[in-house]
Amino acid sequence: MFTEIQLQTKKQEEFLSITRMIREIVKNSRIKDGIAIIQIPHTTAGITINESADPDVVSDISRMLNIMVPDRFDYFHQEGNSPAHIKASLMGSSALVIIKEGDLMLGTWQGIFFCEFDGPRSRKIWVKII
């Protein structure tokens, strides 16, 4: 089963929890045991799994990425979004999550996040349930 999610980001950089959306797709698939592949077709955004209970965690991740990859640097890419490309590479463009008994096998505090680094933009998330 394949599903495409359309997402509109609102800020240049933001982490959006997509866990509920992915859970709903898994539920509707009626697959009890398998794998969910979450992938994005973008080079300036990412996917990550991390703590979703405390919003300070994603704030800290974002702050540290901005320290590691500064906006002002002697980047060669002239489009002006090199930091977004680098941050996207650090986060990755996909995630795999095991499906057991019709639900995502995530840890107690884990959530799935879409990470925007070059917004606001219209984005896609591809989900394949196997």
C-alpha atoms as a PDB file:
ATOM      1  CA  MET A   1       0.000   0.000   0.000  1.00  0.00           C
ATOM      2  CA  PHE A   2       1.333   3.436  -0.986  1.00  0.00           C
ATOM      3  CA  THR A   3       0.119   6.821   0.281  1.00  0.00           C
ATOM      4  CA  GLU A   4       1.267  10.342  -0.511  1.00  0.00           C
ATOM      5  CA  ILE A   5       0.742  13.043   2.086  1.00  0.00           C
ATOM      6  CA  GLN A   6       0.698  16.707   1.058  1.00  0.00           C
ATOM      7  CA  LEU A   7       2.086  19.044   3.683  1.00  0.00           C
ATOM      8  CA  GLN A   8       2.374  22.845   3.746  1.00  0.00           C
ATOM      9  CA  THR A   9       5.090  24.167   6.023  1.00  0.00           C
ATOM     10  CA  LYS A  10       4.745  27.625   7.509  1.00  0.00           C
ATOM     11  CA  LYS A  11       8.271  28.575   8.652  1.00  0.00           C
ATOM     12  CA  GLN A  12      11.771  28.496   7.228  1.00  0.00           C
ATOM     13  CA  GLU A  13      12.702  25.868   9.810  1.00  0.00           C
ATOM     14  CA  GLU A  14      10.261  23.708  11.735  1.00  0.00           C
ATOM     15  CA  PHE A  15       9.788  20.201  13.049  1.00  0.00           C
ATOM     16  CA  LEU A  16       6.274  18.874  12.465  1.00  0.00           C
ATOM     17  CA  SER A  17       5.051  15.734  14.190  1.00  0.00           C
ATOM     18  CA  ILE A  18       3.586  13.391  11.584  1.00  0.00           C
ATOM     19  CA  THR A  19       3.156  10.400  13.902  1.00  0.00           C
ATOM     20  CA  ARG A  20      -0.660  10.579  13.969  1.00  0.00           C
ATOM     21  CA  MET A  21      -0.835  10.762  10.168  1.00  0.00           C
ATOM     22  CA  ILE A  22       1.427   7.735   9.789  1.00  0.00           C
ATOM     23  CA  ARG A  23      -0.505   5.801  12.456  1.00  0.00           C
ATOM     24  CA  GLU A  24      -3.752   6.499  10.596  1.00  0.00           C
ATOM     25  CA  ILE A  25      -2.244   5.256   7.330  1.00  0.00           C
ATOM     26  CA  VAL A  26      -1.086   2.061   9.067  1.00  0.00           C
ATOM     27  CA  LYS A  27      -4.536   1.567  10.616  1.00  0.00           C
ATOM     28  CA  ASN A  28      -6.266   2.041   7.252  1.00  0.00           C
ATOM     29  CA  SER A  29      -3.875  -0.395   5.568  1.00  0.00           C
ATOM     30  CA  ARG A  30      -5.185  -3.225   7.773  1.00  0.00           C
ATOM     31  CA  ILE A  31      -1.685  -4.702   7.765  1.00  0.00           C
ATOM     32  CA  LYS A  32      -1.080  -6.256  11.177  1.00  0.00           C
ATOM     33  CA  ASP A  33       2.623  -7.060  10.925  1.00  0.00           C
ATOM     34  CA  GLY A  34       5.043  -5.397   8.536  1.00  0.00           C
ATOM     35  CA  ILE A  35       7.098  -2.303   7.906  1.00  0.00           C
ATOM     36  CA  ALA A  36       6.227   1.338   7.310  1.00  0.00           C
ATOM     37  CA  ILE A  37       8.654   3.183   5.059  1.00  0.00           C
ATOM     38  CA  ILE A  38       8.413   6.950   5.416  1.00  0.00           C
ATOM     39  CA  GLN A  39      10.316   8.826   2.709  1.00  0.00           C
ATOM     40  CA  ILE A  40      10.460  12.359   1.344  1.00  0.00           C
ATOM     41  CA  PRO A  41      11.498  13.481  -2.168  1.00  0.00           C
ATOM     42  CA  HIS A  42      13.174  16.699  -1.012  1.00  0.00           C
ATOM     43  CA  THR A  43      16.813  17.774  -0.589  1.00  0.00           C
ATOM     44  CA  THR A  44      16.178  20.560   1.917  1.00  0.00           C
ATOM     45  CA  ALA A  45      13.960  18.693   4.391  1.00  0.00           C
ATOM     46  CA  GLY A  46      14.369  15.577   6.501  1.00  0.00           C
ATOM     47  CA  ILE A  47      12.683  12.860   8.524  1.00  0.00           C
ATOM     48  CA  THR A  48      13.684  11.879  12.038  1.00  0.00           C
ATOM     49  CA  ILE A  49      12.391   9.851  14.966  1.00  0.00           C
ATOM     50  CA  ASN A  50      12.957  11.351  18.398  1.00  0.00           C
ATOM     51  CA  GLU A  51      11.226  12.371  21.609  1.00  0.00           C
ATOM     52  CA  SER A  52       7.774  13.819  21.077  1.00  0.00           C
ATOM     53  CA  ALA A  53       6.650  14.307  24.687  1.00  0.00           C
ATOM     54  CA  ASP A  54       8.809  17.359  25.422  1.00  0.00           C
ATOM     55  CA  PRO A  55       8.892  20.037  22.676  1.00  0.00           C
ATOM     56  CA  ASP A  56      12.176  21.324  24.096  1.00  0.00           C
ATOM     57  CA  VAL A  57      13.914  18.274  22.592  1.00  0.00           C
ATOM     58  CA  VAL A  58      13.183  19.265  18.986  1.00  0.00           C
ATOM     59  CA  SER A  59      13.979  22.879  19.878  1.00  0.00           C
ATOM     60  CA  ASP A  60      17.369  21.736  21.163  1.00  0.00           C
ATOM     61  CA  ILE A  61      17.974  19.652  18.029  1.00  0.00           C
ATOM     62  CA  SER A  62      17.122  22.639  15.844  1.00  0.00           C
ATOM     63  CA  ARG A  63      19.332  24.969  17.887  1.00  0.00           C
ATOM     64  CA  MET A  64      22.283  22.587  17.718  1.00  0.00           C
ATOM     65  CA  LEU A  65      21.863  22.094  13.954  1.00  0.00           C
ATOM     66  CA  ASN A  66      22.006  25.887  13.589  1.00  0.00           C
ATOM     67  CA  ILE A  67      25.252  25.975  15.572  1.00  0.00           C
ATOM     68  CA  MET A  68      26.777  23.125  13.562  1.00  0.00           C
ATOM     69  CA  VAL A  69      25.564  24.486  10.206  1.00  0.00           C
ATOM     70  CA  PRO A  70      25.578  28.296  10.340  1.00  0.00           C
ATOM     71  CA  ASP A  71      23.581  30.439   7.925  1.00  0.00           C
ATOM     72  CA  ARG A  72      26.615  32.602   7.233  1.00  0.00           C
ATOM     73  CA  PHE A  73      29.554  30.688   5.819  1.00  0.00           C
ATOM     74  CA  ASP A  74      31.524  30.666   2.598  1.00  0.00           C
ATOM     75  CA  TYR A  75      29.252  28.125   0.877  1.00  0.00           C
ATOM     76  CA  PHE A  76      29.877  27.420  -2.816  1.00  0.00           C
ATOM     77  CA  HIS A  77      26.220  26.707  -3.698  1.00  0.00           C
ATOM     78  CA  GLN A  78      24.914  30.072  -4.879  1.00  0.00           C
ATOM     79  CA  GLU A  79      21.205  29.449  -4.355  1.00  0.00           C
ATOM     80  CA  GLY A  80      21.518  30.494  -0.713  1.00  0.00           C
ATOM     81  CA  ASN A  81      20.108  27.347   0.859  1.00  0.00           C
ATOM     82  CA  SER A  82      23.264  25.303   1.463  1.00  0.00           C
ATOM     83  CA  PRO A  83      22.547  25.108   5.208  1.00  0.00           C
ATOM     84  CA  ALA A  84      19.172  23.492   4.406  1.00  0.00           C
ATOM     85  CA  HIS A  85      20.837  20.882   2.185  1.00  0.00           C
ATOM     86  CA  ILE A  86      23.417  20.033   4.846  1.00  0.00           C
ATOM     87  CA  LYS A  87      20.837  19.780   7.662  1.00  0.00           C
ATOM     88  CA  ALA A  88      18.646  17.574   5.472  1.00  0.00           C
ATOM     89  CA  SER A  89      21.603  15.263   4.838  1.00  0.00           C
ATOM     90  CA  LEU A  90      22.307  15.064   8.568  1.00  0.00           C
ATOM     91  CA  MET A  91      18.681  14.164   9.357  1.00  0.00           C
ATOM     92  CA  GLY A  92      18.137  11.798   6.429  1.00  0.00           C
ATOM     93  CA  SER A  93      15.283  11.469   3.963  1.00  0.00           C
ATOM     94  CA  SER A  94      13.582   8.317   5.246  1.00  0.00           C
ATOM     95  CA  ALA A  95      12.728   6.168   8.233  1.00  0.00           C
ATOM     96  CA  LEU A  96      11.611   2.575   8.709  1.00  0.00           C
ATOM     97  CA  VAL A  97       9.228   1.613  11.491  1.00  0.00           C
ATOM     98  CA  ILE A  98       8.129  -1.906  12.344  1.00  0.00           C
ATOM     99  CA  ILE A  99       4.378  -2.539  12.400  1.00  0.00           C
ATOM    100  CA  LYS A 100       3.191  -4.996  15.049  1.00  0.00           C
ATOM    101  CA  GLU A 101      -0.437  -5.825  15.785  1.00  0.00           C
ATOM    102  CA  GLY A 102      -1.600  -3.061  13.437  1.00  0.00           C
ATOM    103  CA  ASP A 103       0.356  -0.212  15.032  1.00  0.00           C
ATOM    104  CA  LEU A 104       3.752   1.437  14.785  1.00  0.00           C
ATOM    105  CA  MET A 105       6.362   0.018  17.127  1.00  0.00           C
ATOM    106  CA  LEU A 106       7.687   3.245  18.586  1.00  0.00           C
ATOM    107  CA  GLY A 107       9.193   3.724  22.013  1.00  0.00           C
ATOM    108  CA  THR A 108       7.097   5.386  24.719  1.00  0.00           C
ATOM    109  CA  TRP A 109       8.457   8.855  23.985  1.00  0.00           C
ATOM    110  CA  GLN A 110       9.195   8.504  20.279  1.00  0.00           C
ATOM    111  CA  GLY A 111       7.505  10.423  17.484  1.00  0.00           C
ATOM    112  CA  ILE A 112       8.113  10.830  13.762  1.00  0.00           C
ATOM    113  CA  PHE A 113       8.985  14.334  12.603  1.00  0.00           C
ATOM    114  CA  PHE A 114       9.087  16.065   9.250  1.00  0.00           C
ATOM    115  CA  CYS A 115      11.970  18.551   9.423  1.00  0.00           C
ATOM    116  CA  GLU A 116      11.666  21.647   7.255  1.00  0.00           C
ATOM    117  CA  PHE A 117      14.874  23.576   6.593  1.00  0.00           C
ATOM    118  CA  ASP A 118      13.960  25.709   3.547  1.00  0.00           C
ATOM    119  CA  GLY A 119      10.370  26.760   4.002  1.00  0.00           C
ATOM    120  CA  PRO A 120       7.709  27.700   3.844  1.00  0.00           C
ATOM    121  CA  ARG A 121       7.004  25.215   1.073  1.00  0.00           C
ATOM    122  CA  SER A 122       4.571  22.654  -0.206  1.00  0.00           C
ATOM    123  CA  ARG A 123       6.020  19.236   0.638  1.00  0.00           C
ATOM    124  CA  LYS A 124       5.288  15.547   0.053  1.00  0.00           C
ATOM    125  CA  ILE A 125       5.698  12.560   2.323  1.00  0.00           C
ATOM    126  CA  TRP A 126       5.583   9.104   0.789  1.00  0.00           C
ATOM    127  CA  VAL A 127       4.501   6.170   2.933  1.00  0.00           C
ATOM    128  CA  LYS A 128       4.793   2.557   1.803  1.00  0.00           C
ATOM    129  CA  ILE A 129       3.331  -0.175   4.004  1.00  0.00           C
ATOM    130  CA  ILE A 130       4.718  -3.660   3.401  1.00  0.00           C
END
